[in-house]
Amino acid sequence: MTETKKDFKDWDISDFDFAHAFQQSAERRAPSAVSKALSHIKPCRRAMNYKKEYGGKASAIITDAYIFPNFKPGELPALKFYTPVAAWDTGAEYTSISLEVIEALHLKPKDYTNVMTFGGNRRAGIYEISIGLPNSKVYNNVEVLGAELGDYSILFGMDIITRTDFLITNKDGKTTFQFRTPSEGGVEL
């Protein structure tokens, strides 16, 4: 079997644990204190699960998330944006971030594109960011669109959802949302 060397942009960054990346970066600044305080954090190269149970039938799937200017694993990003209102939308092809996030993180578009929305055709900036999912997985080099998202800071589209095993159940009128990354497949109902 031949293994092909990948360019950095082609690495599967989903194998890096968010907490571990911060630990490595912090250890370079204060090795002994950080090692002692964070000794329980280890690199995570296994699938990580997330589960959210709603008290009733959910009208939308909402989680929290971290959004960063793009950074490499092992580095500590200079800025971060935490949001408790990250929507998951299987009807969206691409992930979008709000204008508030763009401003807070001082992001500059790397390009522009025309997108079709319910409101018609519009021009949108394309931004490259890193995203921390609620299961502590971080995806780097993610291209997202800038958009007016109303109450949401980020809207996860199928470009992120298809990197996961994604499941919604509604037993007894109560919604449960679960996902794991990276995908291991084989979910049978």
N, C-alpha and C. Protein backbone atom coordinates (compact mmCIF):
# COMPACT_ATOMS: atom_id res chain seq x y z
N MET A 1 0.84 -1.18 0.00
CA MET A 1 0.00 0.00 0.00
C MET A 1 0.89 1.24 0.00
N THR A 2 0.62 2.17 -0.89
CA THR A 2 1.40 3.39 -0.99
C THR A 2 0.67 4.52 -0.31
N GLU A 3 1.40 5.29 0.51
CA GLU A 3 0.80 6.44 1.19
C GLU A 3 1.27 7.70 0.48
N THR A 4 0.33 8.57 0.14
CA THR A 4 0.65 9.81 -0.53
C THR A 4 0.79 10.91 0.49
N LYS A 5 1.87 11.67 0.41
CA LYS A 5 2.07 12.79 1.31
C LYS A 5 1.06 13.89 0.95
N LYS A 6 0.38 14.43 1.95
CA LYS A 6 -0.64 15.45 1.73
C LYS A 6 -0.08 16.83 2.00
N ASP A 7 -0.54 17.77 1.23
CA ASP A 7 -0.25 19.16 1.49
C ASP A 7 -1.00 19.56 2.76
N PHE A 8 -0.52 20.56 3.51
CA PHE A 8 -1.17 20.96 4.76
C PHE A 8 -2.66 21.20 4.60
N LYS A 9 -3.09 21.88 3.53
CA LYS A 9 -4.50 22.16 3.35
C LYS A 9 -5.34 20.90 3.16
N ASP A 10 -4.70 19.78 2.80
CA ASP A 10 -5.42 18.54 2.60
C ASP A 10 -5.46 17.65 3.84
N TRP A 11 -4.80 18.05 4.94
CA TRP A 11 -4.80 17.23 6.14
C TRP A 11 -6.21 17.12 6.68
N ASP A 12 -6.50 16.01 7.32
CA ASP A 12 -7.79 15.84 7.98
C ASP A 12 -7.67 16.44 9.38
N ILE A 13 -7.91 17.72 9.47
CA ILE A 13 -7.76 18.45 10.73
C ILE A 13 -8.78 17.98 11.76
N SER A 14 -9.84 17.29 11.35
CA SER A 14 -10.84 16.82 12.31
C SER A 14 -10.23 15.84 13.31
N ASP A 15 -9.04 15.31 13.04
CA ASP A 15 -8.40 14.41 13.99
C ASP A 15 -7.79 15.12 15.18
N PHE A 16 -7.76 16.43 15.17
CA PHE A 16 -7.15 17.17 16.26
C PHE A 16 -8.21 17.64 17.25
N ASP A 17 -7.95 17.41 18.50
CA ASP A 17 -8.85 17.79 19.59
C ASP A 17 -8.59 19.26 19.93
N PHE A 18 -9.66 20.03 20.01
CA PHE A 18 -9.60 21.46 20.30
C PHE A 18 -8.84 21.73 21.60
N ALA A 19 -9.18 21.02 22.67
CA ALA A 19 -8.54 21.26 23.97
C ALA A 19 -7.05 20.94 23.90
N HIS A 20 -6.68 19.90 23.15
CA HIS A 20 -5.28 19.53 23.03
C HIS A 20 -4.49 20.61 22.29
N ALA A 21 -5.07 21.19 21.27
CA ALA A 21 -4.39 22.26 20.54
C ALA A 21 -4.10 23.43 21.46
N PHE A 22 -5.05 23.78 22.33
CA PHE A 22 -4.82 24.86 23.27
C PHE A 22 -3.78 24.48 24.31
N GLN A 23 -3.78 23.24 24.75
CA GLN A 23 -2.80 22.79 25.73
C GLN A 23 -1.39 22.92 25.16
N GLN A 24 -1.18 22.45 23.93
CA GLN A 24 0.14 22.52 23.32
C GLN A 24 0.62 23.97 23.23
N SER A 25 -0.26 24.86 22.82
CA SER A 25 0.11 26.25 22.68
C SER A 25 0.43 26.88 24.03
N ALA A 26 -0.39 26.59 25.03
CA ALA A 26 -0.19 27.16 26.36
C ALA A 26 1.08 26.63 27.00
N GLU A 27 1.43 25.37 26.76
CA GLU A 27 2.63 24.79 27.34
C GLU A 27 3.90 25.49 26.87
N ARG A 28 3.86 26.02 25.66
CA ARG A 28 5.03 26.75 25.17
C ARG A 28 5.22 28.05 25.96
N ARG A 29 4.12 28.58 26.52
CA ARG A 29 4.20 29.84 27.27
C ARG A 29 4.52 29.61 28.74
N ALA A 30 3.95 28.59 29.38
CA ALA A 30 4.17 28.31 30.80
C ALA A 30 4.14 26.80 31.01
N PRO A 31 5.21 26.11 30.63
CA PRO A 31 5.19 24.65 30.57
C PRO A 31 4.75 23.94 31.85
N SER A 32 5.34 24.23 32.99
CA SER A 32 5.04 23.43 34.18
C SER A 32 3.64 23.68 34.70
N ALA A 33 3.21 24.92 34.78
CA ALA A 33 1.88 25.24 35.32
C ALA A 33 0.78 24.65 34.45
N VAL A 34 0.92 24.80 33.15
CA VAL A 34 -0.11 24.30 32.23
C VAL A 34 -0.13 22.79 32.23
N SER A 35 1.04 22.15 32.21
CA SER A 35 1.08 20.69 32.21
C SER A 35 0.38 20.11 33.42
N LYS A 36 0.61 20.71 34.58
CA LYS A 36 -0.03 20.22 35.80
C LYS A 36 -1.53 20.45 35.75
N ALA A 37 -1.96 21.65 35.36
CA ALA A 37 -3.38 21.99 35.35
C ALA A 37 -4.16 21.21 34.30
N LEU A 38 -3.54 20.89 33.17
CA LEU A 38 -4.24 20.26 32.06
C LEU A 38 -3.75 18.84 31.77
N SER A 39 -3.17 18.19 32.77
CA SER A 39 -2.58 16.88 32.54
C SER A 39 -3.59 15.83 32.10
N HIS A 40 -4.86 16.06 32.38
CA HIS A 40 -5.89 15.08 32.00
C HIS A 40 -6.28 15.18 30.52
N ILE A 41 -5.87 16.22 29.83
CA ILE A 41 -6.24 16.40 28.43
C ILE A 41 -5.23 15.68 27.55
N LYS A 42 -5.71 14.82 26.70
CA LYS A 42 -4.86 14.04 25.80
C LYS A 42 -5.29 14.27 24.36
N PRO A 43 -4.39 14.00 23.39
CA PRO A 43 -4.81 14.11 22.00
C PRO A 43 -5.97 13.16 21.73
N CYS A 44 -6.90 13.60 20.94
CA CYS A 44 -8.07 12.78 20.65
C CYS A 44 -8.10 12.45 19.17
N ARG A 45 -7.91 11.20 18.85
CA ARG A 45 -7.94 10.77 17.46
C ARG A 45 -9.06 9.75 17.24
N ARG A 46 -10.04 9.78 18.11
CA ARG A 46 -11.20 8.90 17.99
C ARG A 46 -12.43 9.75 17.73
N ALA A 47 -13.50 9.11 17.35
CA ALA A 47 -14.74 9.85 17.12
C ALA A 47 -15.23 10.42 18.46
N MET A 48 -15.69 11.65 18.41
CA MET A 48 -16.22 12.30 19.60
C MET A 48 -17.71 12.54 19.39
N ASN A 49 -18.47 12.17 20.40
CA ASN A 49 -19.92 12.26 20.32
C ASN A 49 -20.45 13.51 20.99
N TYR A 50 -21.63 13.93 20.54
CA TYR A 50 -22.35 15.05 21.15
C TYR A 50 -23.83 14.69 21.16
N LYS A 51 -24.50 15.01 22.24
CA LYS A 51 -25.92 14.71 22.36
C LYS A 51 -26.62 15.87 23.06
N LYS A 52 -27.75 16.29 22.49
CA LYS A 52 -28.57 17.33 23.10
C LYS A 52 -30.01 16.87 23.10
N GLU A 53 -30.61 16.87 24.29
CA GLU A 53 -32.01 16.47 24.43
C GLU A 53 -32.86 17.71 24.68
N TYR A 54 -33.95 17.81 23.96
CA TYR A 54 -34.88 18.92 24.11
C TYR A 54 -36.05 18.45 24.98
N GLY A 55 -36.68 19.36 25.71
CA GLY A 55 -37.81 19.02 26.57
C GLY A 55 -39.07 18.66 25.80
N GLY A 56 -39.14 19.05 24.55
CA GLY A 56 -40.28 18.77 23.69
C GLY A 56 -39.81 18.64 22.26
N LYS A 57 -40.72 18.87 21.33
CA LYS A 57 -40.37 18.80 19.92
C LYS A 57 -39.62 20.09 19.53
N ALA A 58 -38.41 19.94 19.00
CA ALA A 58 -37.59 21.09 18.64
C ALA A 58 -38.06 21.69 17.32
N SER A 59 -38.12 23.02 17.25
CA SER A 59 -38.45 23.68 15.99
C SER A 59 -37.19 23.97 15.17
N ALA A 60 -36.03 23.90 15.83
CA ALA A 60 -34.74 24.10 15.17
C ALA A 60 -33.68 23.38 15.99
N ILE A 61 -32.60 22.95 15.33
CA ILE A 61 -31.48 22.33 16.03
C ILE A 61 -30.44 23.42 16.29
N ILE A 62 -30.27 23.74 17.57
CA ILE A 62 -29.38 24.83 17.99
C ILE A 62 -28.38 24.27 19.00
N THR A 63 -27.10 24.56 18.78
CA THR A 63 -26.04 24.19 19.72
C THR A 63 -25.17 25.41 19.96
N ASP A 64 -24.11 25.21 20.70
CA ASP A 64 -23.11 26.26 20.83
C ASP A 64 -21.96 25.95 19.89
N ALA A 65 -21.06 26.90 19.71
CA ALA A 65 -19.89 26.72 18.84
C ALA A 65 -18.89 27.83 19.11
N TYR A 66 -17.64 27.58 18.75
CA TYR A 66 -16.61 28.61 18.74
C TYR A 66 -16.24 28.88 17.29
N ILE A 67 -15.98 30.13 17.00
CA ILE A 67 -15.56 30.54 15.66
C ILE A 67 -14.26 31.34 15.83
N PHE A 68 -13.28 31.04 14.99
CA PHE A 68 -11.97 31.68 15.08
C PHE A 68 -11.51 32.12 13.70
N PRO A 69 -10.65 33.14 13.64
CA PRO A 69 -9.93 33.33 12.38
C PRO A 69 -9.14 32.02 12.15
N ASN A 70 -8.90 31.65 10.93
CA ASN A 70 -8.24 30.37 10.65
C ASN A 70 -6.92 30.26 11.40
N PHE A 71 -6.65 29.10 12.01
CA PHE A 71 -5.38 28.86 12.70
C PHE A 71 -4.97 27.41 12.51
N LYS A 72 -3.69 27.13 12.74
CA LYS A 72 -3.15 25.78 12.61
C LYS A 72 -3.24 25.06 13.95
N PRO A 73 -3.42 23.73 13.94
CA PRO A 73 -3.43 22.97 15.20
C PRO A 73 -2.14 23.22 15.97
N GLY A 74 -2.26 23.34 17.28
CA GLY A 74 -1.10 23.61 18.12
C GLY A 74 -0.87 25.08 18.35
N GLU A 75 -1.54 25.94 17.60
CA GLU A 75 -1.42 27.38 17.80
C GLU A 75 -2.60 27.87 18.63
N LEU A 76 -2.42 28.94 19.34
CA LEU A 76 -3.50 29.56 20.10
C LEU A 76 -4.03 30.73 19.28
N PRO A 77 -5.30 30.67 18.86
CA PRO A 77 -5.82 31.78 18.05
C PRO A 77 -5.87 33.07 18.86
N ALA A 78 -5.59 34.18 18.22
CA ALA A 78 -5.59 35.48 18.89
C ALA A 78 -7.00 35.93 19.26
N LEU A 79 -7.98 35.59 18.46
CA LEU A 79 -9.36 35.99 18.70
C LEU A 79 -10.26 34.77 18.67
N LYS A 80 -11.36 34.85 19.39
CA LYS A 80 -12.36 33.79 19.31
C LYS A 80 -13.74 34.41 19.52
N PHE A 81 -14.74 33.73 19.01
CA PHE A 81 -16.13 34.16 19.15
C PHE A 81 -16.93 32.96 19.61
N TYR A 82 -17.46 33.03 20.82
CA TYR A 82 -18.32 31.94 21.32
C TYR A 82 -19.77 32.31 21.04
N THR A 83 -20.55 31.33 20.60
CA THR A 83 -21.97 31.57 20.39
C THR A 83 -22.80 30.41 20.93
N PRO A 84 -23.85 30.70 21.68
CA PRO A 84 -24.78 29.66 22.10
C PRO A 84 -25.88 29.41 21.06
N VAL A 85 -25.84 30.16 19.96
CA VAL A 85 -26.89 30.06 18.93
C VAL A 85 -26.31 29.71 17.56
N ALA A 86 -25.85 28.46 17.46
CA ALA A 86 -25.36 27.91 16.18
C ALA A 86 -26.44 26.98 15.65
N ALA A 87 -27.00 27.30 14.48
CA ALA A 87 -28.08 26.51 13.90
C ALA A 87 -27.51 25.48 12.94
N TRP A 88 -28.15 24.31 12.88
CA TRP A 88 -27.78 23.23 11.96
C TRP A 88 -28.88 23.14 10.92
N ASP A 89 -28.53 23.34 9.64
CA ASP A 89 -29.54 23.45 8.58
C ASP A 89 -29.21 22.51 7.43
N THR A 90 -29.96 21.40 7.33
CA THR A 90 -29.71 20.44 6.26
C THR A 90 -30.16 20.97 4.90
N GLY A 91 -30.87 22.10 4.88
CA GLY A 91 -31.29 22.71 3.62
C GLY A 91 -30.27 23.69 3.06
N ALA A 92 -29.21 23.96 3.82
CA ALA A 92 -28.16 24.88 3.37
C ALA A 92 -26.97 24.07 2.84
N GLU A 93 -26.51 24.40 1.67
CA GLU A 93 -25.37 23.68 1.10
C GLU A 93 -24.06 24.06 1.80
N TYR A 94 -23.94 25.36 2.16
CA TYR A 94 -22.70 25.86 2.75
C TYR A 94 -22.97 26.49 4.11
N THR A 95 -21.93 26.48 4.94
CA THR A 95 -21.98 27.12 6.24
C THR A 95 -21.86 28.63 6.06
N SER A 96 -22.60 29.37 6.88
CA SER A 96 -22.56 30.84 6.84
C SER A 96 -22.31 31.38 8.23
N ILE A 97 -21.64 32.53 8.29
CA ILE A 97 -21.44 33.23 9.56
C ILE A 97 -22.08 34.61 9.45
N SER A 98 -22.47 35.13 10.61
CA SER A 98 -23.17 36.42 10.64
C SER A 98 -22.20 37.58 10.46
N LEU A 99 -22.76 38.72 10.11
CA LEU A 99 -21.97 39.94 9.96
C LEU A 99 -21.36 40.33 11.30
N GLU A 100 -22.04 40.03 12.40
CA GLU A 100 -21.52 40.30 13.75
C GLU A 100 -20.22 39.52 13.99
N VAL A 101 -20.18 38.27 13.59
CA VAL A 101 -18.98 37.44 13.75
C VAL A 101 -17.85 38.00 12.88
N ILE A 102 -18.15 38.35 11.66
CA ILE A 102 -17.15 38.90 10.75
C ILE A 102 -16.51 40.15 11.35
N GLU A 103 -17.34 41.02 11.90
CA GLU A 103 -16.83 42.25 12.52
C GLU A 103 -16.03 41.96 13.78
N ALA A 104 -16.53 41.09 14.65
CA ALA A 104 -15.85 40.79 15.91
C ALA A 104 -14.47 40.16 15.71
N LEU A 105 -14.34 39.34 14.67
CA LEU A 105 -13.07 38.65 14.40
C LEU A 105 -12.20 39.37 13.38
N HIS A 106 -12.65 40.54 12.92
CA HIS A 106 -11.89 41.35 11.95
C HIS A 106 -11.55 40.53 10.70
N LEU A 107 -12.52 39.76 10.22
CA LEU A 107 -12.28 38.92 9.06
C LEU A 107 -12.36 39.71 7.76
N LYS A 108 -11.53 39.35 6.82
CA LYS A 108 -11.54 39.95 5.49
C LYS A 108 -11.89 38.86 4.49
N PRO A 109 -12.75 39.17 3.51
CA PRO A 109 -13.11 38.14 2.53
C PRO A 109 -11.91 37.76 1.67
N LYS A 110 -11.80 36.47 1.38
CA LYS A 110 -10.74 36.02 0.47
C LYS A 110 -11.23 36.05 -0.97
N ASP A 111 -12.56 36.14 -1.14
CA ASP A 111 -13.17 36.19 -2.46
C ASP A 111 -14.65 36.52 -2.28
N TYR A 112 -15.35 36.64 -3.39
CA TYR A 112 -16.80 36.88 -3.38
C TYR A 112 -17.47 35.90 -4.32
N THR A 113 -18.74 35.63 -4.06
CA THR A 113 -19.52 34.75 -4.92
C THR A 113 -20.97 35.21 -4.93
N ASN A 114 -21.72 34.80 -5.93
CA ASN A 114 -23.15 35.06 -5.97
C ASN A 114 -23.86 33.83 -5.41
N VAL A 115 -24.82 34.07 -4.51
CA VAL A 115 -25.58 32.97 -3.92
C VAL A 115 -27.07 33.23 -4.10
N MET A 116 -27.80 32.13 -4.25
CA MET A 116 -29.25 32.21 -4.36
C MET A 116 -29.85 31.95 -2.98
N THR A 117 -30.64 32.88 -2.49
CA THR A 117 -31.30 32.75 -1.20
C THR A 117 -32.80 32.87 -1.40
N PHE A 118 -33.55 32.70 -0.31
CA PHE A 118 -35.01 32.90 -0.39
C PHE A 118 -35.34 34.33 -0.82
N GLY A 119 -34.47 35.26 -0.47
CA GLY A 119 -34.67 36.66 -0.83
C GLY A 119 -34.17 37.02 -2.22
N GLY A 120 -33.66 36.04 -2.95
CA GLY A 120 -33.15 36.30 -4.29
C GLY A 120 -31.64 36.13 -4.36
N ASN A 121 -31.08 36.53 -5.50
CA ASN A 121 -29.66 36.42 -5.73
C ASN A 121 -28.93 37.55 -5.00
N ARG A 122 -27.79 37.25 -4.37
CA ARG A 122 -27.01 38.29 -3.70
C ARG A 122 -25.54 37.92 -3.74
N ARG A 123 -24.70 38.93 -3.56
CA ARG A 123 -23.25 38.75 -3.53
C ARG A 123 -22.83 38.53 -2.08
N ALA A 124 -22.00 37.51 -1.84
CA ALA A 124 -21.55 37.19 -0.49
C ALA A 124 -20.04 37.05 -0.44
N GLY A 125 -19.46 37.51 0.65
CA GLY A 125 -18.03 37.32 0.88
C GLY A 125 -17.75 35.89 1.30
N ILE A 126 -16.59 35.38 0.88
CA ILE A 126 -16.14 34.05 1.30
C ILE A 126 -15.00 34.27 2.29
N TYR A 127 -15.13 33.64 3.47
CA TYR A 127 -14.16 33.80 4.55
C TYR A 127 -13.59 32.45 4.92
N GLU A 128 -12.32 32.41 5.31
CA GLU A 128 -11.70 31.17 5.76
C GLU A 128 -11.53 31.25 7.27
N ILE A 129 -12.14 30.27 7.97
CA ILE A 129 -12.15 30.30 9.43
C ILE A 129 -11.84 28.91 9.99
N SER A 130 -11.72 28.85 11.30
CA SER A 130 -11.67 27.60 12.05
C SER A 130 -12.93 27.55 12.90
N ILE A 131 -13.51 26.35 13.03
CA ILE A 131 -14.76 26.18 13.76
C ILE A 131 -14.57 25.13 14.84
N GLY A 132 -14.96 25.46 16.08
CA GLY A 132 -14.97 24.51 17.18
C GLY A 132 -16.39 24.03 17.43
N LEU A 133 -16.63 22.75 17.17
CA LEU A 133 -17.96 22.18 17.37
C LEU A 133 -18.20 21.90 18.85
N PRO A 134 -19.45 21.69 19.25
CA PRO A 134 -19.72 21.47 20.68
C PRO A 134 -19.17 20.16 21.24
N ASN A 135 -18.66 19.27 20.40
CA ASN A 135 -18.03 18.04 20.90
C ASN A 135 -16.51 18.21 20.99
N SER A 136 -16.02 19.44 20.90
CA SER A 136 -14.60 19.82 21.01
C SER A 136 -13.78 19.54 19.76
N LYS A 137 -14.39 19.16 18.67
CA LYS A 137 -13.65 18.99 17.42
C LYS A 137 -13.49 20.35 16.75
N VAL A 138 -12.34 20.56 16.16
CA VAL A 138 -12.07 21.80 15.43
C VAL A 138 -11.81 21.47 13.97
N TYR A 139 -12.45 22.21 13.10
CA TYR A 139 -12.18 22.13 11.67
C TYR A 139 -11.48 23.42 11.27
N ASN A 140 -10.34 23.29 10.61
CA ASN A 140 -9.59 24.44 10.12
C ASN A 140 -9.78 24.55 8.62
N ASN A 141 -9.43 25.70 8.08
CA ASN A 141 -9.49 25.95 6.64
C ASN A 141 -10.91 25.77 6.08
N VAL A 142 -11.91 26.20 6.84
CA VAL A 142 -13.29 26.07 6.41
C VAL A 142 -13.70 27.35 5.69
N GLU A 143 -14.14 27.22 4.45
CA GLU A 143 -14.65 28.37 3.71
C GLU A 143 -16.13 28.52 4.02
N VAL A 144 -16.51 29.72 4.46
CA VAL A 144 -17.89 30.00 4.82
C VAL A 144 -18.33 31.28 4.11
N LEU A 145 -19.64 31.48 4.07
CA LEU A 145 -20.20 32.69 3.47
C LEU A 145 -20.60 33.67 4.56
N GLY A 146 -20.45 34.95 4.29
CA GLY A 146 -20.95 35.98 5.19
C GLY A 146 -22.41 36.25 4.86
N ALA A 147 -23.26 36.35 5.89
CA ALA A 147 -24.70 36.52 5.63
C ALA A 147 -25.39 37.17 6.82
N GLU A 148 -26.54 37.74 6.56
CA GLU A 148 -27.41 38.21 7.63
C GLU A 148 -28.19 37.00 8.11
N LEU A 149 -27.95 36.60 9.36
CA LEU A 149 -28.54 35.35 9.86
C LEU A 149 -29.58 35.57 10.96
N GLY A 150 -30.02 36.78 11.15
CA GLY A 150 -31.02 37.03 12.18
C GLY A 150 -30.47 36.74 13.57
N ASP A 151 -31.10 35.82 14.28
CA ASP A 151 -30.72 35.50 15.66
C ASP A 151 -29.51 34.58 15.77
N TYR A 152 -29.03 34.04 14.66
CA TYR A 152 -27.95 33.06 14.70
C TYR A 152 -26.60 33.69 14.36
N SER A 153 -25.54 33.15 14.96
CA SER A 153 -24.17 33.60 14.67
C SER A 153 -23.53 32.77 13.57
N ILE A 154 -23.91 31.50 13.51
CA ILE A 154 -23.40 30.60 12.49
C ILE A 154 -24.51 29.64 12.12
N LEU A 155 -24.55 29.30 10.85
CA LEU A 155 -25.52 28.33 10.34
C LEU A 155 -24.70 27.22 9.69
N PHE A 156 -24.66 26.05 10.33
CA PHE A 156 -23.92 24.92 9.78
C PHE A 156 -24.69 24.32 8.62
N GLY A 157 -24.07 24.28 7.46
CA GLY A 157 -24.67 23.70 6.26
C GLY A 157 -24.18 22.28 6.04
N MET A 158 -24.56 21.74 4.92
CA MET A 158 -24.21 20.36 4.60
C MET A 158 -22.70 20.15 4.44
N ASP A 159 -21.94 21.21 4.16
CA ASP A 159 -20.49 21.06 4.07
C ASP A 159 -19.88 20.61 5.40
N ILE A 160 -20.46 21.00 6.52
CA ILE A 160 -20.01 20.55 7.84
C ILE A 160 -20.78 19.30 8.26
N ILE A 161 -22.09 19.30 8.08
CA ILE A 161 -22.93 18.17 8.51
C ILE A 161 -22.46 16.86 7.89
N THR A 162 -22.03 16.89 6.62
CA THR A 162 -21.60 15.65 5.97
C THR A 162 -20.23 15.16 6.43
N ARG A 163 -19.58 15.88 7.32
CA ARG A 163 -18.34 15.40 7.94
C ARG A 163 -18.66 14.60 9.22
N THR A 164 -19.94 14.51 9.55
CA THR A 164 -20.36 13.88 10.80
C THR A 164 -21.31 12.73 10.52
N ASP A 165 -21.57 11.94 11.57
CA ASP A 165 -22.75 11.07 11.60
C ASP A 165 -23.78 11.89 12.37
N PHE A 166 -24.92 12.15 11.77
CA PHE A 166 -25.90 13.14 12.22
C PHE A 166 -27.24 12.44 12.43
N LEU A 167 -27.83 12.58 13.60
CA LEU A 167 -29.05 11.85 13.90
C LEU A 167 -30.01 12.72 14.72
N ILE A 168 -31.29 12.72 14.31
CA ILE A 168 -32.34 13.40 15.06
C ILE A 168 -33.44 12.37 15.31
N THR A 169 -33.84 12.24 16.57
CA THR A 169 -34.95 11.35 16.92
C THR A 169 -36.02 12.16 17.66
N ASN A 170 -37.24 11.64 17.67
CA ASN A 170 -38.38 12.35 18.29
C ASN A 170 -39.27 11.40 19.08
N LYS A 171 -38.70 10.62 19.97
CA LYS A 171 -39.47 9.67 20.78
C LYS A 171 -40.34 10.42 21.79
N ASP A 172 -41.59 10.03 21.87
CA ASP A 172 -42.55 10.61 22.82
C ASP A 172 -42.65 12.12 22.70
N GLY A 173 -42.48 12.64 21.48
CA GLY A 173 -42.60 14.08 21.25
C GLY A 173 -41.43 14.90 21.78
N LYS A 174 -40.31 14.25 22.12
CA LYS A 174 -39.12 14.94 22.62
C LYS A 174 -37.97 14.72 21.63
N THR A 175 -37.43 15.80 21.13
CA THR A 175 -36.35 15.74 20.14
C THR A 175 -35.01 15.49 20.82
N THR A 176 -34.24 14.60 20.24
CA THR A 176 -32.85 14.38 20.64
C THR A 176 -32.00 14.53 19.39
N PHE A 177 -30.95 15.33 19.50
CA PHE A 177 -30.01 15.56 18.41
C PHE A 177 -28.67 14.98 18.81
N GLN A 178 -28.07 14.18 17.92
CA GLN A 178 -26.76 13.60 18.18
C GLN A 178 -25.89 13.67 16.93
N PHE A 179 -24.59 13.86 17.14
CA PHE A 179 -23.65 13.72 16.03
C PHE A 179 -22.32 13.26 16.57
N ARG A 180 -21.49 12.73 15.67
CA ARG A 180 -20.13 12.37 16.03
C ARG A 180 -19.22 12.72 14.86
N THR A 181 -17.99 13.06 15.22
CA THR A 181 -16.98 13.37 14.23
C THR A 181 -15.68 12.68 14.63
N PRO A 182 -14.92 12.21 13.69
CA PRO A 182 -15.30 12.07 12.29
C PRO A 182 -16.34 10.98 12.13
N SER A 183 -16.95 10.95 10.97
CA SER A 183 -17.97 9.94 10.69
C SER A 183 -17.38 8.54 10.77
N GLU A 184 -18.11 7.66 11.42
CA GLU A 184 -17.73 6.24 11.45
C GLU A 184 -18.69 5.41 10.63
N GLY A 185 -19.78 6.05 10.14
CA GLY A 185 -20.77 5.35 9.33
C GLY A 185 -21.46 4.25 10.11
N GLY A 186 -22.24 3.45 9.40
CA GLY A 186 -22.85 2.28 10.01
C GLY A 186 -24.00 2.54 10.97
N VAL A 187 -24.64 3.69 10.92
CA VAL A 187 -25.79 3.96 11.78
C VAL A 187 -27.00 3.25 11.17
N GLU A 188 -27.58 2.35 11.93
CA GLU A 188 -28.74 1.62 11.44
C GLU A 188 -29.93 1.90 12.34
N LEU A 189 -31.08 2.10 11.73
CA LEU A 189 -32.31 2.34 12.49
C LEU A 189 -33.27 1.19 12.29
